[in-house]
């Protein structure tokens, strides 16, 4: 999986390419470990993401919780397969998918 981060002030965009699964979720978790409390928004750009597993959802949930109230997390450019995972699991109620 390829992870590209772009910080613009207090807003972070994280673009992912490949698959976010049990093998790659720790890589994303490590990339997001520091500085979440300083951010006001995180946008995950999934244009290049082919698949997400429950391990990937766990990292997104931990990121959401790590924003310490008031920060926003959203997903953009998700394909149909990823959107379906978010809908079936109820994650669209936690993290908006645009």
PDB file of N, CA and C in Angstrom:
ATOM      1  N   UNK A   1       0.844  -1.176   0.000  1.00  0.00           N
ATOM      2  CA  UNK A   1       0.000   0.000   0.000  1.00  0.00           C
ATOM      3  C   UNK A   1       0.886   1.234   0.000  1.00  0.00           C
ATOM      4  N   UNK A   2       0.462   2.235  -0.728  1.00  0.00           N
ATOM      5  CA  UNK A   2       1.171   3.509  -0.758  1.00  0.00           C
ATOM      6  C   UNK A   2       0.354   4.547   0.013  1.00  0.00           C
ATOM      7  N   UNK A   3       1.042   5.290   0.885  1.00  0.00           N
ATOM      8  CA  UNK A   3       0.411   6.329   1.700  1.00  0.00           C
ATOM      9  C   UNK A   3       1.061   7.659   1.356  1.00  0.00           C
ATOM     10  N   UNK A   4       0.231   8.641   0.994  1.00  0.00           N
ATOM     11  CA  UNK A   4       0.725   9.981   0.708  1.00  0.00           C
ATOM     12  C   UNK A   4      -0.001  10.950   1.629  1.00  0.00           C
ATOM     13  N   UNK A   5       0.785  11.702   2.431  1.00  0.00           N
ATOM     14  CA  UNK A   5       0.188  12.663   3.354  1.00  0.00           C
ATOM     15  C   UNK A   5       0.480  14.076   2.861  1.00  0.00           C
ATOM     16  N   UNK A   6      -0.535  14.940   2.968  1.00  0.00           N
ATOM     17  CA  UNK A   6      -0.393  16.343   2.586  1.00  0.00           C
ATOM     18  C   UNK A   6      -1.002  17.194   3.700  1.00  0.00           C
ATOM     19  N   UNK A   7      -0.153  17.934   4.405  1.00  0.00           N
ATOM     20  CA  UNK A   7      -0.612  18.778   5.504  1.00  0.00           C
ATOM     21  C   UNK A   7      -0.759  20.207   5.024  1.00  0.00           C
ATOM     22  N   UNK A   8      -1.943  20.768   5.249  1.00  0.00           N
ATOM     23  CA  UNK A   8      -2.229  22.151   4.886  1.00  0.00           C
ATOM     24  C   UNK A   8      -2.727  22.841   6.157  1.00  0.00           C
ATOM     25  N   UNK A   9      -1.815  23.466   6.864  1.00  0.00           N
ATOM     26  CA  UNK A   9      -2.176  24.085   8.147  1.00  0.00           C
ATOM     27  C   UNK A   9      -2.521  23.012   9.156  1.00  0.00           C
ATOM     28  N   UNK A  10      -3.777  22.990   9.596  1.00  0.00           N
ATOM     29  CA  UNK A  10      -4.233  21.979  10.550  1.00  0.00           C
ATOM     30  C   UNK A  10      -5.114  20.921   9.890  1.00  0.00           C
ATOM     31  N   UNK A  11      -5.092  20.884   8.562  1.00  0.00           N
ATOM     32  CA  UNK A  11      -5.887  19.901   7.816  1.00  0.00           C
ATOM     33  C   UNK A  11      -4.961  18.943   7.088  1.00  0.00           C
ATOM     34  N   UNK A  12      -5.181  17.654   7.312  1.00  0.00           N
ATOM     35  CA  UNK A  12      -4.351  16.611   6.729  1.00  0.00           C
ATOM     36  C   UNK A  12      -5.166  15.810   5.728  1.00  0.00           C
ATOM     37  N   UNK A  13      -4.610  15.607   4.538  1.00  0.00           N
ATOM     38  CA  UNK A  13      -5.199  14.703   3.557  1.00  0.00           C
ATOM     39  C   UNK A  13      -4.272  13.501   3.439  1.00  0.00           C
ATOM     40  N   UNK A  14      -4.866  12.319   3.535  1.00  0.00           N
ATOM     41  CA  UNK A  14      -4.116  11.072   3.437  1.00  0.00           C
ATOM     42  C   UNK A  14      -4.666  10.289   2.252  1.00  0.00           C
ATOM     43  N   UNK A  15      -3.854  10.144   1.213  1.00  0.00           N
ATOM     44  CA  UNK A  15      -4.258   9.386   0.023  1.00  0.00           C
ATOM     45  C   UNK A  15      -3.680   7.977   0.137  1.00  0.00           C
ATOM     46  N   UNK A  16      -4.530   6.994  -0.111  1.00  0.00           N
ATOM     47  CA  UNK A  16      -4.108   5.598  -0.030  1.00  0.00           C
ATOM     48  C   UNK A  16      -4.257   4.927  -1.380  1.00  0.00           C
ATOM     49  N   UNK A  17      -3.291   4.084  -1.707  1.00  0.00           N
ATOM     50  CA  UNK A  17      -3.339   3.298  -2.936  1.00  0.00           C
ATOM     51  C   UNK A  17      -3.075   1.843  -2.585  1.00  0.00           C
ATOM     52  N   UNK A  18      -3.870   0.950  -3.148  1.00  0.00           N
ATOM     53  CA  UNK A  18      -3.695  -0.482  -2.900  1.00  0.00           C
ATOM     54  C   UNK A  18      -4.808  -1.019  -2.032  1.00  0.00           C
ATOM     55  N   UNK A  19      -4.424  -1.860  -1.067  1.00  0.00           N
ATOM     56  CA  UNK A  19      -5.391  -2.489  -0.173  1.00  0.00           C
ATOM     57  C   UNK A  19      -5.062  -2.153   1.279  1.00  0.00           C
ATOM     58  N   UNK A  20      -6.095  -1.805   2.027  1.00  0.00           N
ATOM     59  CA  UNK A  20      -5.953  -1.539   3.460  1.00  0.00           C
ATOM     60  C   UNK A  20      -6.531  -2.740   4.197  1.00  0.00           C
ATOM     61  N   UNK A  21      -5.641  -3.636   4.621  1.00  0.00           N
ATOM     62  CA  UNK A  21      -6.061  -4.882   5.239  1.00  0.00           C
ATOM     63  C   UNK A  21      -5.197  -5.195   6.448  1.00  0.00           C
ATOM     64  N   UNK A  22      -5.260  -6.412   6.917  1.00  0.00           N
ATOM     65  CA  UNK A  22      -4.522  -6.819   8.110  1.00  0.00           C
ATOM     66  C   UNK A  22      -3.025  -6.587   7.972  1.00  0.00           C
ATOM     67  N   UNK A  23      -2.494  -6.790   6.788  1.00  0.00           N
ATOM     68  CA  UNK A  23      -1.055  -6.626   6.573  1.00  0.00           C
ATOM     69  C   UNK A  23      -0.626  -5.167   6.492  1.00  0.00           C
ATOM     70  N   UNK A  24      -1.485  -4.302   5.933  1.00  0.00           N
ATOM     71  CA  UNK A  24      -1.098  -2.909   5.694  1.00  0.00           C
ATOM     72  C   UNK A  24      -1.649  -1.923   6.722  1.00  0.00           C
ATOM     73  N   UNK A  25      -2.644  -2.326   7.503  1.00  0.00           N
ATOM     74  CA  UNK A  25      -3.234  -1.425   8.507  1.00  0.00           C
ATOM     75  C   UNK A  25      -2.198  -0.898   9.497  1.00  0.00           C
ATOM     76  N   UNK A  26      -1.253  -1.729   9.978  1.00  0.00           N
ATOM     77  CA  UNK A  26      -0.243  -1.187  10.892  1.00  0.00           C
ATOM     78  C   UNK A  26       0.614  -0.085  10.260  1.00  0.00           C
ATOM     79  N   UNK A  27       0.837  -0.173   8.967  1.00  0.00           N
ATOM     80  CA  UNK A  27       1.593   0.863   8.259  1.00  0.00           C
ATOM     81  C   UNK A  27       0.860   2.200   8.319  1.00  0.00           C
ATOM     82  N   UNK A  28      -0.462   2.176   8.083  1.00  0.00           N
ATOM     83  CA  UNK A  28      -1.256   3.400   8.170  1.00  0.00           C
ATOM     84  C   UNK A  28      -1.305   3.900   9.611  1.00  0.00           C
ATOM     85  N   UNK A  29      -1.469   2.986  10.547  1.00  0.00           N
ATOM     86  CA  UNK A  29      -1.515   3.370  11.954  1.00  0.00           C
ATOM     87  C   UNK A  29      -0.228   4.087  12.365  1.00  0.00           C
ATOM     88  N   UNK A  30       0.899   3.571  11.948  1.00  0.00           N
ATOM     89  CA  UNK A  30       2.179   4.210  12.255  1.00  0.00           C
ATOM     90  C   UNK A  30       2.303   5.579  11.603  1.00  0.00           C
ATOM     91  N   UNK A  31       1.786   5.721  10.395  1.00  0.00           N
ATOM     92  CA  UNK A  31       1.868   6.993   9.676  1.00  0.00           C
ATOM     93  C   UNK A  31       1.007   8.069  10.333  1.00  0.00           C
ATOM     94  N   UNK A  32       0.006   7.645  11.103  1.00  0.00           N
ATOM     95  CA  UNK A  32      -0.929   8.602  11.712  1.00  0.00           C
ATOM     96  C   UNK A  32      -0.726   8.781  13.213  1.00  0.00           C
ATOM     97  N   UNK A  33       0.240   8.124  13.782  1.00  0.00           N
ATOM     98  CA  UNK A  33       0.398   8.103  15.240  1.00  0.00           C
ATOM     99  C   UNK A  33       0.535   9.472  15.887  1.00  0.00           C
ATOM    100  N   UNK A  34       1.303  10.339  15.315  1.00  0.00           N
ATOM    101  CA  UNK A  34       1.628  11.593  15.992  1.00  0.00           C
ATOM    102  C   UNK A  34       0.848  12.776  15.435  1.00  0.00           C
ATOM    103  N   UNK A  35       0.535  13.701  16.306  1.00  0.00           N
ATOM    104  CA  UNK A  35      -0.008  14.980  15.896  1.00  0.00           C
ATOM    105  C   UNK A  35      -1.490  15.038  15.611  1.00  0.00           C
ATOM    106  N   UNK A  36      -2.251  13.997  15.921  1.00  0.00           N
ATOM    107  CA  UNK A  36      -3.683  14.040  15.637  1.00  0.00           C
ATOM    108  C   UNK A  36      -4.381  15.130  16.432  1.00  0.00           C
ATOM    109  N   UNK A  37      -3.953  15.351  17.658  1.00  0.00           N
ATOM    110  CA  UNK A  37      -4.625  16.342  18.509  1.00  0.00           C
ATOM    111  C   UNK A  37      -4.423  17.762  17.998  1.00  0.00           C
ATOM    112  N   UNK A  38      -3.434  17.980  17.143  1.00  0.00           N
ATOM    113  CA  UNK A  38      -3.179  19.313  16.584  1.00  0.00           C
ATOM    114  C   UNK A  38      -3.976  19.583  15.311  1.00  0.00           C
ATOM    115  N   UNK A  39      -4.655  18.563  14.792  1.00  0.00           N
ATOM    116  CA  UNK A  39      -5.377  18.707  13.525  1.00  0.00           C
ATOM    117  C   UNK A  39      -6.836  19.085  13.758  1.00  0.00           C
ATOM    118  N   UNK A  40      -7.399  19.817  12.807  1.00  0.00           N
ATOM    119  CA  UNK A  40      -8.835  20.118  12.847  1.00  0.00           C
ATOM    120  C   UNK A  40      -9.612  19.240  11.873  1.00  0.00           C
ATOM    121  N   UNK A  41      -8.920  18.646  10.884  1.00  0.00           N
ATOM    122  CA  UNK A  41      -9.600  17.806   9.901  1.00  0.00           C
ATOM    123  C   UNK A  41      -8.630  16.821   9.267  1.00  0.00           C
ATOM    124  N   UNK A  42      -9.131  15.610   9.050  1.00  0.00           N
ATOM    125  CA  UNK A  42      -8.404  14.610   8.277  1.00  0.00           C
ATOM    126  C   UNK A  42      -9.327  14.124   7.172  1.00  0.00           C
ATOM    127  N   UNK A  43      -8.819  14.161   5.959  1.00  0.00           N
ATOM    128  CA  UNK A  43      -9.559  13.643   4.815  1.00  0.00           C
ATOM    129  C   UNK A  43      -8.789  12.454   4.263  1.00  0.00           C
ATOM    130  N   UNK A  44      -9.448  11.321   4.179  1.00  0.00           N
ATOM    131  CA  UNK A  44      -8.859  10.144   3.565  1.00  0.00           C
ATOM    132  C   UNK A  44      -9.319  10.084   2.114  1.00  0.00           C
ATOM    133  N   UNK A  45      -8.379  10.191   1.191  1.00  0.00           N
ATOM    134  CA  UNK A  45      -8.686  10.108  -0.239  1.00  0.00           C
ATOM    135  C   UNK A  45      -8.469   8.666  -0.680  1.00  0.00           C
ATOM    136  N   UNK A  46      -9.563   7.986  -0.980  1.00  0.00           N
ATOM    137  CA  UNK A  46      -9.518   6.566  -1.327  1.00  0.00           C
ATOM    138  C   UNK A  46      -9.599   6.326  -2.832  1.00  0.00           C
ATOM    139  N   UNK A  47      -9.268   7.314  -3.648  1.00  0.00           N
ATOM    140  CA  UNK A  47      -9.339   7.152  -5.098  1.00  0.00           C
ATOM    141  C   UNK A  47      -8.514   5.962  -5.570  1.00  0.00           C
ATOM    142  N   UNK A  48      -7.392   5.693  -4.912  1.00  0.00           N
ATOM    143  CA  UNK A  48      -6.529   4.588  -5.308  1.00  0.00           C
ATOM    144  C   UNK A  48      -6.664   3.355  -4.441  1.00  0.00           C
ATOM    145  N   UNK A  49      -7.636   3.355  -3.517  1.00  0.00           N
ATOM    146  CA  UNK A  49      -7.819   2.221  -2.613  1.00  0.00           C
ATOM    147  C   UNK A  49      -8.769   1.206  -3.238  1.00  0.00           C
ATOM    148  N   UNK A  50      -8.310  -0.026  -3.347  1.00  0.00           N
ATOM    149  CA  UNK A  50      -9.112  -1.076  -3.974  1.00  0.00           C
ATOM    150  C   UNK A  50      -9.970  -1.845  -2.975  1.00  0.00           C
ATOM    151  N   UNK A  51      -9.527  -1.910  -1.729  1.00  0.00           N
ATOM    152  CA  UNK A  51     -10.188  -2.782  -0.755  1.00  0.00           C
ATOM    153  C   UNK A  51      -9.882  -2.292   0.653  1.00  0.00           C
ATOM    154  N   UNK A  52     -10.835  -2.475   1.573  1.00  0.00           N
ATOM    155  CA  UNK A  52     -10.612  -2.180   2.986  1.00  0.00           C
ATOM    156  C   UNK A  52     -11.199  -3.314   3.820  1.00  0.00           C
ATOM    157  N   UNK A  53     -10.452  -3.753   4.818  1.00  0.00           N
ATOM    158  CA  UNK A  53     -10.920  -4.821   5.705  1.00  0.00           C
ATOM    159  C   UNK A  53     -11.281  -4.227   7.069  1.00  0.00           C
ATOM    160  N   UNK A  54     -11.691  -5.104   7.982  1.00  0.00           N
ATOM    161  CA  UNK A  54     -12.026  -4.640   9.335  1.00  0.00           C
ATOM    162  C   UNK A  54     -10.799  -4.054  10.036  1.00  0.00           C
ATOM    163  N   UNK A  55      -9.618  -4.547   9.701  1.00  0.00           N
ATOM    164  CA  UNK A  55      -8.397  -3.985  10.287  1.00  0.00           C
ATOM    165  C   UNK A  55      -8.208  -2.538   9.844  1.00  0.00           C
ATOM    166  N   UNK A  56      -8.523  -2.253   8.600  1.00  0.00           N
ATOM    167  CA  UNK A  56      -8.452  -0.883   8.093  1.00  0.00           C
ATOM    168  C   UNK A  56      -9.494   0.007   8.751  1.00  0.00           C
ATOM    169  N   UNK A  57     -10.696  -0.528   8.934  1.00  0.00           N
ATOM    170  CA  UNK A  57     -11.752   0.235   9.608  1.00  0.00           C
ATOM    171  C   UNK A  57     -11.343   0.566  11.041  1.00  0.00           C
ATOM    172  N   UNK A  58     -10.664  -0.373  11.688  1.00  0.00           N
ATOM    173  CA  UNK A  58     -10.208  -0.143  13.064  1.00  0.00           C
ATOM    174  C   UNK A  58      -9.249   1.041  13.126  1.00  0.00           C
ATOM    175  N   UNK A  59      -8.337   1.139  12.157  1.00  0.00           N
ATOM    176  CA  UNK A  59      -7.389   2.261  12.131  1.00  0.00           C
ATOM    177  C   UNK A  59      -8.134   3.574  11.913  1.00  0.00           C
ATOM    178  N   UNK A  60      -9.127   3.573  11.039  1.00  0.00           N
ATOM    179  CA  UNK A  60      -9.914   4.785  10.805  1.00  0.00           C
ATOM    180  C   UNK A  60     -10.667   5.188  12.074  1.00  0.00           C
ATOM    181  N   UNK A  61     -11.227   4.200  12.782  1.00  0.00           N
ATOM    182  CA  UNK A  61     -11.944   4.500  14.022  1.00  0.00           C
ATOM    183  C   UNK A  61     -10.994   5.053  15.076  1.00  0.00           C
ATOM    184  N   UNK A  62      -9.816   4.474  15.191  1.00  0.00           N
ATOM    185  CA  UNK A  62      -8.829   4.985  16.139  1.00  0.00           C
ATOM    186  C   UNK A  62      -8.410   6.412  15.781  1.00  0.00           C
ATOM    187  N   UNK A  63      -8.300   6.682  14.504  1.00  0.00           N
ATOM    188  CA  UNK A  63      -7.964   8.037  14.048  1.00  0.00           C
ATOM    189  C   UNK A  63      -9.076   9.006  14.424  1.00  0.00           C
ATOM    190  N   UNK A  64     -10.302   8.602  14.169  1.00  0.00           N
ATOM    191  CA  UNK A  64     -11.467   9.418  14.513  1.00  0.00           C
ATOM    192  C   UNK A  64     -11.466   9.748  16.010  1.00  0.00           C
ATOM    193  N   UNK A  65     -11.246   8.733  16.818  1.00  0.00           N
ATOM    194  CA  UNK A  65     -11.221   8.940  18.279  1.00  0.00           C
ATOM    195  C   UNK A  65     -10.021   9.780  18.703  1.00  0.00           C
ATOM    196  N   UNK A  66      -8.931   9.687  17.970  1.00  0.00           N
ATOM    197  CA  UNK A  66      -7.728  10.427  18.294  1.00  0.00           C
ATOM    198  C   UNK A  66      -7.802  11.909  17.985  1.00  0.00           C
ATOM    199  N   UNK A  67      -8.842  12.333  17.321  1.00  0.00           N
ATOM    200  CA  UNK A  67      -9.004  13.749  16.993  1.00  0.00           C
ATOM    201  C   UNK A  67      -9.432  14.566  18.212  1.00  0.00           C
ATOM    202  N   UNK A  68      -9.735  13.921  19.331  1.00  0.00           N
ATOM    203  CA  UNK A  68     -10.055  14.600  20.602  1.00  0.00           C
ATOM    204  C   UNK A  68     -11.170  15.638  20.465  1.00  0.00           C
ATOM    205  N   UNK A  69     -12.290  15.186  19.980  1.00  0.00           N
ATOM    206  CA  UNK A  69     -13.487  16.024  19.957  1.00  0.00           C
ATOM    207  C   UNK A  69     -13.285  17.313  19.166  1.00  0.00           C
ATOM    208  N   UNK A  70     -14.113  17.534  18.221  1.00  0.00           N
ATOM    209  CA  UNK A  70     -14.075  18.786  17.483  1.00  0.00           C
ATOM    210  C   UNK A  70     -13.424  18.680  16.117  1.00  0.00           C
ATOM    211  N   UNK A  71     -12.512  17.761  15.946  1.00  0.00           N
ATOM    212  CA  UNK A  71     -11.908  17.563  14.637  1.00  0.00           C
ATOM    213  C   UNK A  71     -12.820  16.706  13.762  1.00  0.00           C
ATOM    214  N   UNK A  72     -12.656  16.827  12.474  1.00  0.00           N
ATOM    215  CA  UNK A  72     -13.496  16.047  11.571  1.00  0.00           C
ATOM    216  C   UNK A  72     -12.650  15.038  10.803  1.00  0.00           C
ATOM    217  N   UNK A  73     -13.292  13.924  10.477  1.00  0.00           N
ATOM    218  CA  UNK A  73     -12.683  12.889   9.658  1.00  0.00           C
ATOM    219  C   UNK A  73     -13.692  12.550   8.580  1.00  0.00           C
ATOM    220  N   UNK A  74     -13.226  12.479   7.326  1.00  0.00           N
ATOM    221  CA  UNK A  74     -14.118  12.089   6.243  1.00  0.00           C
ATOM    222  C   UNK A  74     -13.337  11.296   5.207  1.00  0.00           C
ATOM    223  N   UNK A  75     -14.086  10.582   4.373  1.00  0.00           N
ATOM    224  CA  UNK A  75     -13.522   9.791   3.286  1.00  0.00           C
ATOM    225  C   UNK A  75     -14.073  10.348   1.985  1.00  0.00           C
ATOM    226  N   UNK A  76     -13.184  10.511   1.001  1.00  0.00           N
ATOM    227  CA  UNK A  76     -13.622  10.951  -0.322  1.00  0.00           C
ATOM    228  C   UNK A  76     -13.133   9.952  -1.371  1.00  0.00           C
ATOM    229  N   UNK A  77     -13.782   9.957  -2.504  1.00  0.00           N
ATOM    230  CA  UNK A  77     -13.391   9.170  -3.680  1.00  0.00           C
ATOM    231  C   UNK A  77     -13.341   7.664  -3.441  1.00  0.00           C
ATOM    232  N   UNK A  78     -14.218   7.145  -2.593  1.00  0.00           N
ATOM    233  CA  UNK A  78     -14.254   5.699  -2.342  1.00  0.00           C
ATOM    234  C   UNK A  78     -14.966   4.983  -3.483  1.00  0.00           C
ATOM    235  N   UNK A  79     -14.419   3.831  -3.870  1.00  0.00           N
ATOM    236  CA  UNK A  79     -15.076   3.046  -4.915  1.00  0.00           C
ATOM    237  C   UNK A  79     -16.289   2.323  -4.328  1.00  0.00           C
ATOM    238  N   UNK A  80     -17.021   1.630  -5.182  1.00  0.00           N
ATOM    239  CA  UNK A  80     -18.269   0.978  -4.782  1.00  0.00           C
ATOM    240  C   UNK A  80     -18.039  -0.093  -3.713  1.00  0.00           C
ATOM    241  N   UNK A  81     -16.962  -0.852  -3.825  1.00  0.00           N
ATOM    242  CA  UNK A  81     -16.663  -1.916  -2.870  1.00  0.00           C
ATOM    243  C   UNK A  81     -16.389  -1.325  -1.484  1.00  0.00           C
ATOM    244  N   UNK A  82     -15.592  -0.282  -1.430  1.00  0.00           N
ATOM    245  CA  UNK A  82     -15.270   0.355  -0.153  1.00  0.00           C
ATOM    246  C   UNK A  82     -16.508   1.018   0.437  1.00  0.00           C
ATOM    247  N   UNK A  83     -17.294   1.673  -0.399  1.00  0.00           N
ATOM    248  CA  UNK A  83     -18.539   2.299   0.080  1.00  0.00           C
ATOM    249  C   UNK A  83     -19.462   1.253   0.711  1.00  0.00           C
ATOM    250  N   UNK A  84     -19.552   0.106   0.072  1.00  0.00           N
ATOM    251  CA  UNK A  84     -20.424  -0.951   0.581  1.00  0.00           C
ATOM    252  C   UNK A  84     -19.953  -1.445   1.947  1.00  0.00           C
ATOM    253  N   UNK A  85     -18.650  -1.578   2.137  1.00  0.00           N
ATOM    254  CA  UNK A  85     -18.110  -1.988   3.442  1.00  0.00           C
ATOM    255  C   UNK A  85     -18.504  -0.962   4.501  1.00  0.00           C
ATOM    256  N   UNK A  86     -18.389   0.319   4.183  1.00  0.00           N
ATOM    257  CA  UNK A  86     -18.762   1.376   5.132  1.00  0.00           C
ATOM    258  C   UNK A  86     -20.250   1.316   5.455  1.00  0.00           C
ATOM    259  N   UNK A  87     -21.084   1.086   4.457  1.00  0.00           N
ATOM    260  CA  UNK A  87     -22.524   1.057   4.676  1.00  0.00           C
ATOM    261  C   UNK A  87     -22.951  -0.166   5.480  1.00  0.00           C
ATOM    262  N   UNK A  88     -22.436  -1.346   5.114  1.00  0.00           N
ATOM    263  CA  UNK A  88     -22.823  -2.585   5.789  1.00  0.00           C
ATOM    264  C   UNK A  88     -22.395  -2.584   7.250  1.00  0.00           C
ATOM    265  N   UNK A  89     -21.244  -2.022   7.539  1.00  0.00           N
ATOM    266  CA  UNK A  89     -20.733  -1.997   8.917  1.00  0.00           C
ATOM    267  C   UNK A  89     -21.282  -0.851   9.749  1.00  0.00           C
ATOM    268  N   UNK A  90     -21.976   0.093   9.125  1.00  0.00           N
ATOM    269  CA  UNK A  90     -22.506   1.255   9.835  1.00  0.00           C
ATOM    270  C   UNK A  90     -21.491   2.369  10.027  1.00  0.00           C
ATOM    271  N   UNK A  91     -20.341   2.241   9.401  1.00  0.00           N
ATOM    272  CA  UNK A  91     -19.299   3.272   9.549  1.00  0.00           C
ATOM    273  C   UNK A  91     -19.695   4.605   8.929  1.00  0.00           C
ATOM    274  N   UNK A  92     -20.655   4.598   8.023  1.00  0.00           N
ATOM    275  CA  UNK A  92     -21.105   5.872   7.441  1.00  0.00           C
ATOM    276  C   UNK A  92     -21.780   6.748   8.490  1.00  0.00           C
ATOM    277  N   UNK A  93     -22.214   6.146   9.598  1.00  0.00           N
ATOM    278  CA  UNK A  93     -22.786   6.924  10.696  1.00  0.00           C
ATOM    279  C   UNK A  93     -21.707   7.584  11.539  1.00  0.00           C
ATOM    280  N   UNK A  94     -20.476   7.100  11.415  1.00  0.00           N
ATOM    281  CA  UNK A  94     -19.359   7.633  12.201  1.00  0.00           C
ATOM    282  C   UNK A  94     -18.478   8.541  11.346  1.00  0.00           C
ATOM    283  N   UNK A  95     -18.098   8.042  10.189  1.00  0.00           N
ATOM    284  CA  UNK A  95     -17.204   8.756   9.281  1.00  0.00           C
ATOM    285  C   UNK A  95     -17.911   8.963   7.953  1.00  0.00           C
ATOM    286  N   UNK A  96     -18.188  10.202   7.566  1.00  0.00           N
ATOM    287  CA  UNK A  96     -18.888  10.452   6.305  1.00  0.00           C
ATOM    288  C   UNK A  96     -18.058  10.017   5.096  1.00  0.00           C
ATOM    289  N   UNK A  97     -18.755   9.444   4.113  1.00  0.00           N
ATOM    290  CA  UNK A  97     -18.139   9.055   2.848  1.00  0.00           C
ATOM    291  C   UNK A  97     -18.746   9.919   1.766  1.00  0.00           C
ATOM    292  N   UNK A  98     -17.914  10.747   1.157  1.00  0.00           N
ATOM    293  CA  UNK A  98     -18.411  11.671   0.119  1.00  0.00           C
ATOM    294  C   UNK A  98     -18.013  11.181  -1.251  1.00  0.00           C
TER     295      UNK A  98
END
